[in-house]
Amino acid sequence: MQKFTKYRPFPNPLKGDYLNAPFGPGLYDLRRISTKKPVLFGIGANCAKRMTSILPSEKGGSGSRNNDRKRNYVARHRNDIEYRTMAFKTKQDAADFEREIKQTKGHLYTFDT
């Protein structure tokens, strides 16, 4: 069974901070530090690359994401957000695990990915 990493503060790329995430298939999970409430989770064939799209480009993000509301929320609360990741062998394994989370825990997250 795969395990999540420990939570880490969400990086600020404009200050030279870096993201520690799987370069291959993986799942990411963001939560607010102050409340411990979940914010966002999702998967990517390249988890690190997918996570770089969480922030808007003017805040140091890259890539594309069709939800500006989601990106702006993370940017606005970046100092109060932490993340953890989990690596998988395939994107399908990550998708299966994500589906299991959605079925067992429901949509507790601020945003539906």
Protein backbone atom coordinates (compact mmCIF):
# COMPACT_ATOMS: atom_id res chain seq x y z
CA MET A 1 0.00 0.00 0.00
CA GLN A 2 1.25 3.43 -0.93
CA LYS A 3 1.55 6.11 1.73
CA PHE A 4 1.16 9.85 1.64
CA THR A 5 4.22 11.98 2.37
CA LYS A 6 4.13 14.24 5.41
CA TYR A 7 2.43 17.58 4.89
CA ARG A 8 4.73 20.39 3.71
CA PRO A 9 4.07 24.13 3.41
CA PHE A 10 2.94 25.04 -0.10
CA PRO A 11 5.94 26.64 -1.85
CA ASN A 12 6.21 30.16 -3.19
CA PRO A 13 7.99 29.89 -6.55
CA LEU A 14 8.48 33.67 -6.66
CA LYS A 15 10.79 33.32 -3.64
CA GLY A 16 12.70 30.35 -5.05
CA ASP A 17 10.82 27.75 -2.99
CA TYR A 18 10.51 24.34 -4.57
CA LEU A 19 7.85 21.65 -4.83
CA ASN A 20 8.59 18.13 -3.65
CA ALA A 21 6.30 15.86 -5.67
CA PRO A 22 6.46 12.71 -7.82
CA PHE A 23 7.82 13.31 -11.29
CA GLY A 24 5.62 10.45 -12.50
CA PRO A 25 2.04 9.41 -11.68
CA GLY A 26 0.76 10.63 -8.36
CA LEU A 27 -1.93 12.19 -6.23
CA TYR A 28 -1.71 15.51 -4.39
CA ASP A 29 -3.76 16.70 -1.41
CA LEU A 30 -3.91 20.32 -0.16
CA ARG A 31 -5.38 21.54 3.12
CA ARG A 32 -5.54 24.74 5.14
CA ILE A 33 -2.94 24.83 7.93
CA SER A 34 -5.10 26.91 10.28
CA THR A 35 -8.22 24.73 10.09
CA LYS A 36 -6.88 21.40 8.77
CA LYS A 37 -9.80 21.48 6.33
CA PRO A 38 -9.18 19.91 2.92
CA VAL A 39 -8.94 22.29 -0.02
CA LEU A 40 -8.07 20.35 -3.15
CA PHE A 41 -6.85 17.00 -4.35
CA GLY A 42 -6.13 15.56 -7.73
CA ILE A 43 -3.95 13.34 -9.84
CA GLY A 44 -1.49 13.76 -12.65
CA ALA A 45 0.51 11.55 -15.00
CA ASN A 46 3.36 13.82 -13.89
CA CYS A 47 2.22 14.93 -10.43
CA ALA A 48 4.88 17.63 -10.01
CA LYS A 49 4.01 19.20 -13.36
CA ARG A 50 0.29 19.08 -12.62
CA MET A 51 0.84 20.76 -9.25
CA THR A 52 2.67 23.66 -10.88
CA SER A 53 -0.65 24.63 -12.48
CA ILE A 54 -2.28 25.11 -9.06
CA LEU A 55 -1.03 28.72 -8.92
CA PRO A 56 -1.80 31.40 -11.53
CA SER A 57 1.14 32.28 -13.80
CA GLU A 58 1.56 35.75 -12.25
CA LYS A 59 2.08 34.00 -8.88
CA GLY A 60 4.73 31.65 -10.27
CA GLY A 61 2.49 28.86 -11.55
CA SER A 62 2.76 27.27 -14.96
CA GLY A 63 0.82 24.92 -17.15
CA SER A 64 -2.88 25.17 -17.74
CA ARG A 65 -5.92 24.67 -15.61
CA ASN A 66 -9.47 25.55 -16.56
CA ASN A 67 -10.48 26.81 -13.13
CA ASP A 68 -9.27 30.31 -12.28
CA ARG A 69 -11.37 30.29 -9.10
CA LYS A 70 -9.38 27.31 -7.83
CA ARG A 71 -6.01 28.81 -8.77
CA ASN A 72 -6.84 32.19 -7.23
CA TYR A 73 -8.04 30.56 -4.01
CA VAL A 74 -4.74 28.72 -3.59
CA ALA A 75 -2.76 31.87 -4.44
CA ARG A 76 -4.76 33.97 -1.96
CA HIS A 77 -4.29 31.43 0.86
CA ARG A 78 -0.86 30.05 -0.14
CA ASN A 79 0.70 30.94 3.23
CA ASP A 80 -2.02 28.90 4.97
CA ILE A 81 -1.87 25.85 2.68
CA GLU A 82 0.13 22.68 3.03
CA TYR A 83 0.32 19.70 0.72
CA ARG A 84 1.18 16.03 0.65
CA THR A 85 1.62 13.64 -2.24
CA MET A 86 1.55 9.95 -3.02
CA ALA A 87 3.39 8.29 -5.91
CA PHE A 88 1.86 5.53 -8.02
CA LYS A 89 3.16 3.18 -10.70
CA THR A 90 0.52 4.27 -13.22
CA LYS A 91 -1.92 7.13 -13.67
CA GLN A 92 -4.73 4.55 -13.61
CA ASP A 93 -3.61 3.40 -10.13
CA ALA A 94 -3.74 7.03 -8.98
CA ALA A 95 -7.19 7.50 -10.56
CA ASP A 96 -8.48 4.35 -8.85
CA PHE A 97 -7.24 5.62 -5.48
CA GLU A 98 -8.76 9.06 -6.11
CA ARG A 99 -12.12 7.44 -6.95
CA GLU A 100 -11.92 5.43 -3.71
CA ILE A 101 -11.36 8.64 -1.71
CA LYS A 102 -14.35 10.28 -3.38
CA GLN A 103 -16.56 7.26 -2.65
CA THR A 104 -15.50 6.73 0.97
CA LYS A 105 -15.03 10.31 2.15
CA GLY A 106 -17.37 12.13 -0.18
CA HIS A 107 -16.62 15.60 -1.42
CA LEU A 108 -15.30 17.30 1.67
CA TYR A 109 -13.04 19.41 -0.49
CA THR A 110 -13.57 23.06 -1.29
CA PHE A 111 -13.17 22.32 -5.00
CA ASP A 112 -14.17 19.27 -7.00
CA THR A 113 -11.24 18.26 -9.17
